[in-house]
Amino acid sequence: MTDDLKPDVAISDIENVLSKHLGPGAAEIAPLAGGNLSNVFSFTHAGKSYVVKFSDLDGAYETERYVSQLLTDRGIPFPGIIALGRIGRLAYVIMDRMEGHLLSDCTLDEQTRHLPELIGILKKLADADIRKTNGYGWIGPDGNAPYASWRDFVVAANAEDQTGTFWENWHELYRTSCLERDVFEEIYSRLMTFVPYNEPHRAFIHGDFHQWNILTDGNRITGIIDGNCLYGDFLVDLAVLDRHMPRCGVIQAYQDYQEKAGIAIPNFKERLMGAYYFKGLDGLRFYAKMGWEDAYIETRNFLLRLECGN
């Protein structure tokens, strides 16, 4: 198993892309760490800082422009999109570079101090205006999603036949990786038990709302980046943040925030369980595919313990 699914990108291709959209003069082109599926580079042009990302996945970045407009309209610091396109087999997107450094580089105390602001951003994400869109699941370039219900999406996302997607032939992971069929099927069964609690709720979901996709200047959150965006129950984003910052009291801080604001969250525990199982199940497949056995085992054990209320 590989721990790097990023495509190789020639420096000449990067220069050609930047020149096409911005004209000559791109400087300080340098690779950026982070991201598992995209090769990301920072650069400057005419005194401004930008990022360009490359991927060999079908449909990569096609939804970025819609998401950028949706979130910036809510006052959420998300990168503006400069250009989208293809060069050879690679898709690319040029974006504004957000200020700051990754929240993951901060100490635990520093991350915890940012928690109230993060909870506020979660609220803004959940309140994004998606009334003119339709569907559940992964968001398309037109702002719509393909499934009529959350249940339909969950079933499709975990089906064996994933032809033409990132998960094509994923059942092979049972044979070639640490993915355990009995564990996967047990978690899937539990997930389907909680689907009815999540199903009535449709909101914008960032999908990967954790400290490796959050930027800070040390005092405030300066950027939210790299979503795996979809429509469904907004508690999915809360579950992601809690799983990645388990020692920061994320769930209690969120409940305190909602109580202070006088906002009732029906079936909170059941919906959160459904969110844990949904993201956790996808995590098991991803960690197995990447060869990250430690992350796989930790996630598996967390999910199996959930039934006991731990």
Protein backbone atom coordinates (compact mmCIF):
# COMPACT_ATOMS: atom_id res chain seq x y z
CA MET A 1 0.00 0.00 0.00
CA THR A 2 1.14 3.52 -0.75
CA ASP A 3 0.88 6.46 1.58
CA ASP A 4 1.01 8.92 -1.36
CA LEU A 5 -1.61 9.08 -4.11
CA LYS A 6 -0.48 12.46 -5.40
CA PRO A 7 0.32 12.73 -9.12
CA ASP A 8 3.75 13.73 -10.36
CA VAL A 9 3.77 17.23 -11.83
CA ALA A 10 6.53 18.61 -14.04
CA ILE A 11 7.74 22.13 -13.23
CA SER A 12 7.22 23.01 -16.90
CA ASP A 13 3.53 22.09 -16.60
CA ILE A 14 3.16 24.27 -13.51
CA GLU A 15 4.78 27.20 -15.30
CA ASN A 16 2.60 26.70 -18.38
CA VAL A 17 -0.60 26.68 -16.29
CA LEU A 18 0.34 29.80 -14.35
CA SER A 19 1.42 31.68 -17.45
CA LYS A 20 -1.81 30.78 -19.26
CA HIS A 21 -4.03 32.28 -16.58
CA LEU A 22 -1.90 34.97 -14.94
CA GLY A 23 0.69 35.81 -17.56
CA PRO A 24 4.45 35.48 -17.14
CA GLY A 25 6.14 36.33 -13.88
CA ALA A 26 5.19 33.55 -11.43
CA ALA A 27 7.94 33.21 -8.82
CA GLU A 28 8.82 31.30 -5.64
CA ILE A 29 7.06 28.14 -6.84
CA ALA A 30 7.38 25.67 -3.97
CA PRO A 31 5.63 22.43 -2.92
CA LEU A 32 3.37 22.56 0.12
CA ALA A 33 3.00 19.75 2.64
CA GLY A 34 -0.38 18.22 3.38
CA GLY A 35 -3.10 16.70 1.25
CA ASN A 36 -3.19 13.08 0.26
CA LEU A 37 -4.63 13.23 -3.24
CA SER A 38 -3.43 16.56 -4.66
CA ASN A 39 0.03 17.91 -5.38
CA VAL A 40 -0.03 21.47 -4.06
CA PHE A 41 2.33 24.37 -4.79
CA SER A 42 2.52 27.93 -3.52
CA PHE A 43 3.75 30.79 -5.69
CA THR A 44 3.69 34.54 -6.00
CA HIS A 45 2.66 36.69 -8.94
CA ALA A 46 2.62 40.49 -9.13
CA GLY A 47 3.14 40.70 -5.38
CA LYS A 48 0.25 38.39 -4.44
CA SER A 49 0.37 34.86 -3.01
CA TYR A 50 -1.47 31.95 -4.58
CA VAL A 51 -1.80 28.17 -4.48
CA VAL A 52 -2.14 25.76 -7.41
CA LYS A 53 -3.33 22.18 -6.93
CA PHE A 54 -3.08 19.24 -9.34
CA SER A 55 -4.96 15.93 -9.28
CA ASP A 56 -5.37 12.97 -11.62
CA LEU A 57 -8.81 12.09 -10.19
CA ASP A 58 -11.82 12.47 -12.47
CA GLY A 59 -13.87 15.54 -11.61
CA ALA A 60 -11.32 16.95 -9.19
CA TYR A 61 -11.93 20.62 -8.30
CA GLU A 62 -15.07 21.01 -10.45
CA THR A 63 -17.11 21.98 -7.40
CA GLU A 64 -14.53 24.39 -5.97
CA ARG A 65 -15.96 27.55 -7.55
CA TYR A 66 -19.48 26.91 -6.23
CA VAL A 67 -18.22 26.11 -2.72
CA SER A 68 -15.94 29.14 -2.64
CA GLN A 69 -18.80 31.49 -3.51
CA LEU A 70 -21.19 29.82 -1.07
CA LEU A 71 -18.82 30.02 1.89
CA THR A 72 -17.33 33.46 1.27
CA ASP A 73 -20.88 34.82 1.08
CA ARG A 74 -21.28 33.54 4.65
CA GLY A 75 -18.13 35.36 5.79
CA ILE A 76 -16.20 32.11 6.07
CA PRO A 77 -12.50 32.53 5.15
CA PHE A 78 -12.34 30.15 2.19
CA PRO A 79 -9.96 30.61 -0.77
CA GLY A 80 -11.19 32.48 -3.82
CA ILE A 81 -10.92 30.59 -7.12
CA ILE A 82 -8.80 32.17 -9.85
CA ALA A 83 -9.00 29.47 -12.53
CA LEU A 84 -9.87 25.83 -13.19
CA GLY A 85 -8.65 23.66 -16.04
CA ARG A 86 -6.78 20.62 -17.29
CA ILE A 87 -3.31 19.98 -18.59
CA GLY A 88 -2.90 16.55 -20.08
CA ARG A 89 -4.32 13.99 -17.67
CA LEU A 90 -4.25 16.38 -14.72
CA ALA A 91 -6.95 18.70 -13.40
CA TYR A 92 -5.81 21.88 -11.69
CA VAL A 93 -7.18 24.80 -9.71
CA ILE A 94 -5.50 28.13 -8.95
CA MET A 95 -6.64 29.72 -5.69
CA ASP A 96 -5.86 32.64 -3.43
CA ARG A 97 -3.46 31.64 -0.68
CA MET A 98 -4.87 32.10 2.80
CA GLU A 99 -2.72 33.66 5.50
CA GLY A 100 -1.50 31.73 8.51
CA HIS A 101 -0.23 28.26 9.33
CA LEU A 102 -1.99 24.96 9.92
CA LEU A 103 -3.84 24.61 13.22
CA SER A 104 -2.28 21.14 13.42
CA ASP A 105 1.08 22.83 14.00
CA CYS A 106 -0.24 24.45 17.19
CA THR A 107 0.01 22.99 20.68
CA LEU A 108 -3.00 21.33 22.27
CA ASP A 109 -3.62 24.42 24.42
CA GLU A 110 -3.44 26.68 21.37
CA GLN A 111 -5.88 24.49 19.46
CA THR A 112 -8.27 24.50 22.40
CA ARG A 113 -8.18 28.30 22.60
CA HIS A 114 -9.44 28.42 19.02
CA LEU A 115 -12.38 26.15 19.82
CA PRO A 116 -15.03 28.88 20.39
CA GLU A 117 -14.22 30.39 16.99
CA LEU A 118 -14.29 26.96 15.36
CA ILE A 119 -17.72 26.28 16.84
CA GLY A 120 -18.90 29.58 15.39
CA ILE A 121 -17.59 28.58 11.96
CA LEU A 122 -19.38 25.24 12.22
CA LYS A 123 -22.60 27.18 12.77
CA LYS A 124 -21.92 29.34 9.70
CA LEU A 125 -21.23 26.26 7.58
CA ALA A 126 -24.48 24.64 8.70
CA ASP A 127 -26.42 27.85 7.99
CA ALA A 128 -25.13 28.30 4.43
CA ASP A 129 -28.03 29.04 2.07
CA ILE A 130 -28.57 25.91 -0.04
CA ARG A 131 -32.31 26.36 -0.58
CA LYS A 132 -31.93 26.66 -4.35
CA THR A 133 -30.11 23.33 -4.60
CA ASN A 134 -31.27 19.73 -4.53
CA GLY A 135 -30.06 16.34 -3.42
CA TYR A 136 -27.87 14.61 -0.86
CA GLY A 137 -24.28 13.45 -1.03
CA TRP A 138 -21.27 14.86 -2.87
CA ILE A 139 -21.92 18.30 -4.35
CA GLY A 140 -21.57 18.75 -8.11
CA PRO A 141 -20.30 21.82 -10.01
CA ASP A 142 -23.86 23.19 -10.35
CA GLY A 143 -24.40 23.07 -6.58
CA ASN A 144 -26.70 20.05 -6.66
CA ALA A 145 -26.11 16.54 -5.36
CA PRO A 146 -27.23 13.30 -7.03
CA TYR A 147 -29.18 11.38 -4.38
CA ALA A 148 -32.81 11.78 -3.38
CA SER A 149 -32.18 10.95 0.28
CA TRP A 150 -29.37 10.53 2.79
CA ARG A 151 -30.11 6.80 2.88
CA ASP A 152 -29.72 6.49 -0.88
CA PHE A 153 -26.37 8.26 -0.66
CA VAL A 154 -25.05 6.13 2.20
CA VAL A 155 -26.02 2.91 0.40
CA ALA A 156 -24.41 4.06 -2.85
CA ALA A 157 -21.24 5.30 -1.15
CA ASN A 158 -20.66 1.88 0.40
CA ALA A 159 -21.78 -0.30 -2.50
CA GLU A 160 -19.30 -2.73 -4.00
CA ASP A 161 -19.64 -1.36 -7.52
CA GLN A 162 -17.84 2.00 -7.56
CA THR A 163 -16.82 2.00 -11.22
CA GLY A 164 -15.14 5.23 -12.27
CA THR A 165 -14.70 6.59 -8.75
CA PHE A 166 -11.88 6.80 -6.21
CA TRP A 167 -13.30 3.62 -4.66
CA GLU A 168 -13.36 1.48 -7.80
CA ASN A 169 -12.58 -2.16 -6.88
CA TRP A 170 -12.41 -1.23 -3.19
CA HIS A 171 -13.51 -4.75 -2.14
CA GLU A 172 -10.00 -5.83 -3.13
CA LEU A 173 -8.86 -4.10 0.06
CA TYR A 174 -10.25 -7.04 2.03
CA ARG A 175 -7.57 -9.16 0.36
CA THR A 176 -4.72 -6.68 -0.05
CA SER A 177 -4.87 -4.49 3.06
CA CYS A 178 -5.74 -4.41 6.75
CA LEU A 179 -9.45 -3.83 5.98
CA GLU A 180 -11.53 -6.48 7.75
CA ARG A 181 -14.78 -7.52 6.10
CA ASP A 182 -16.53 -8.49 9.35
CA VAL A 183 -15.62 -5.15 10.97
CA PHE A 184 -16.69 -3.13 7.95
CA GLU A 185 -20.02 -4.95 7.70
CA GLU A 186 -20.66 -4.56 11.45
CA ILE A 187 -20.06 -0.81 11.33
CA TYR A 188 -22.17 -0.49 8.17
CA SER A 189 -25.03 -2.30 9.91
CA ARG A 190 -24.81 0.09 12.86
CA LEU A 191 -24.64 3.08 10.50
CA MET A 192 -27.87 2.05 8.78
CA THR A 193 -29.56 1.84 12.21
CA PHE A 194 -28.86 5.56 12.76
CA VAL A 195 -29.56 6.76 9.21
CA PRO A 196 -33.21 7.59 10.07
CA TYR A 197 -32.01 10.13 12.64
CA ASN A 198 -29.68 11.90 10.17
CA GLU A 199 -31.97 11.63 7.16
CA PRO A 200 -34.36 14.54 7.90
CA HIS A 201 -31.50 17.05 8.03
CA ARG A 202 -30.00 18.65 4.92
CA ALA A 203 -27.26 21.27 5.22
CA PHE A 204 -23.86 22.07 3.77
CA ILE A 205 -21.07 19.81 5.11
CA HIS A 206 -17.39 20.65 4.65
CA GLY A 207 -16.56 16.97 5.07
CA ASP A 208 -12.97 17.29 6.32
CA PHE A 209 -13.26 19.95 9.01
CA HIS A 210 -10.13 19.27 11.04
CA GLN A 211 -6.92 21.01 12.07
CA TRP A 212 -5.00 20.02 8.91
CA ASN A 213 -7.55 22.01 6.87
CA ILE A 214 -7.76 25.02 9.19
CA LEU A 215 -5.34 27.96 9.19
CA THR A 216 -4.55 30.38 12.00
CA ASP A 217 -2.29 33.38 12.53
CA GLY A 218 -2.05 32.53 16.23
CA ASN A 219 -4.88 34.84 17.24
CA ARG A 220 -7.75 33.94 14.92
CA ILE A 221 -8.79 31.46 12.26
CA THR A 222 -7.63 32.81 8.91
CA GLY A 223 -8.66 30.07 6.51
CA ILE A 224 -10.72 26.93 5.94
CA ILE A 225 -9.42 24.85 3.03
CA ASP A 226 -9.76 21.55 1.14
CA GLY A 227 -13.33 20.43 1.72
CA ASN A 228 -14.79 17.09 0.66
CA CYS A 229 -18.13 18.81 0.42
CA LEU A 230 -21.59 17.27 0.53
CA TYR A 231 -25.18 17.79 1.68
CA GLY A 232 -26.56 16.00 4.70
CA ASP A 233 -26.65 16.30 8.48
CA PHE A 234 -24.31 19.11 9.60
CA LEU A 235 -23.31 17.10 12.67
CA VAL A 236 -20.95 15.20 10.34
CA ASP A 237 -18.57 18.18 10.54
CA LEU A 238 -18.82 18.19 14.34
CA ALA A 239 -17.98 14.48 14.44
CA VAL A 240 -14.92 15.05 12.23
CA LEU A 241 -13.62 17.87 14.43
CA ASP A 242 -14.16 15.86 17.60
CA ARG A 243 -12.39 12.79 16.24
CA HIS A 244 -9.36 14.86 15.24
CA MET A 245 -9.27 16.97 18.42
CA PRO A 246 -10.44 14.39 20.99
CA ARG A 247 -8.76 16.08 23.97
CA CYS A 248 -10.22 19.53 23.38
CA GLY A 249 -13.78 18.97 24.64
CA VAL A 250 -15.32 19.65 21.23
CA ILE A 251 -18.73 18.08 21.88
CA GLN A 252 -19.28 19.81 25.20
CA ALA A 253 -18.18 23.16 23.76
CA TYR A 254 -20.63 22.73 20.89
CA GLN A 255 -23.52 21.84 23.20
CA ASP A 256 -22.72 24.78 25.48
CA TYR A 257 -22.68 27.11 22.47
CA GLN A 258 -26.05 25.87 21.24
CA GLU A 259 -27.62 26.04 24.71
CA LYS A 260 -26.40 29.61 25.21
CA ALA A 261 -27.86 30.56 21.82
CA GLY A 262 -31.16 28.89 22.69
CA ILE A 263 -30.87 26.41 19.80
CA ALA A 264 -32.40 22.98 20.30
CA ILE A 265 -30.81 20.05 18.45
CA PRO A 266 -33.33 17.18 18.19
CA ASN A 267 -31.98 13.64 18.57
CA PHE A 268 -28.48 15.03 19.09
CA LYS A 269 -26.92 11.84 20.48
CA GLU A 270 -28.39 9.59 17.81
CA ARG A 271 -27.44 11.96 14.98
CA LEU A 272 -23.90 12.27 16.31
CA MET A 273 -23.63 8.47 16.45
CA GLY A 274 -24.75 8.29 12.84
CA ALA A 275 -22.16 10.92 11.92
CA TYR A 276 -19.36 9.04 13.71
CA TYR A 277 -20.26 5.83 11.91
CA PHE A 278 -20.59 7.51 8.51
CA LYS A 279 -17.19 9.24 8.61
CA GLY A 280 -15.54 6.40 10.50
CA LEU A 281 -16.59 3.80 7.95
CA ASP A 282 -15.17 5.85 5.11
CA GLY A 283 -12.05 6.38 7.20
CA LEU A 284 -11.53 2.63 7.57
CA ARG A 285 -11.47 2.20 3.80
CA PHE A 286 -9.24 5.21 3.29
CA TYR A 287 -6.69 4.27 5.94
CA ALA A 288 -6.56 0.72 4.59
CA LYS A 289 -6.00 1.98 1.05
CA MET A 290 -3.26 4.36 2.20
CA GLY A 291 -1.58 1.68 4.31
CA TRP A 292 -2.03 3.67 7.53
CA GLU A 293 -2.58 0.70 9.80
CA ASP A 294 -2.25 2.60 13.09
CA ALA A 295 -4.98 5.05 12.06
CA TYR A 296 -7.11 2.14 10.86
CA ILE A 297 -6.82 0.30 14.17
CA GLU A 298 -7.53 3.40 16.26
CA THR A 299 -10.62 4.23 14.20
CA ARG A 300 -11.85 0.64 14.21
CA ASN A 301 -11.55 0.41 17.97
CA PHE A 302 -13.34 3.74 18.49
CA LEU A 303 -16.25 2.68 16.26
CA LEU A 304 -16.63 -0.73 17.88
CA ARG A 305 -16.67 0.86 21.35
CA LEU A 306 -19.46 3.27 20.40
CA GLU A 307 -22.13 0.64 20.92
CA CYS A 308 -21.15 0.52 24.59
CA GLY A 309 -21.57 4.27 24.92
CA ASN A 310 -17.86 4.90 25.44
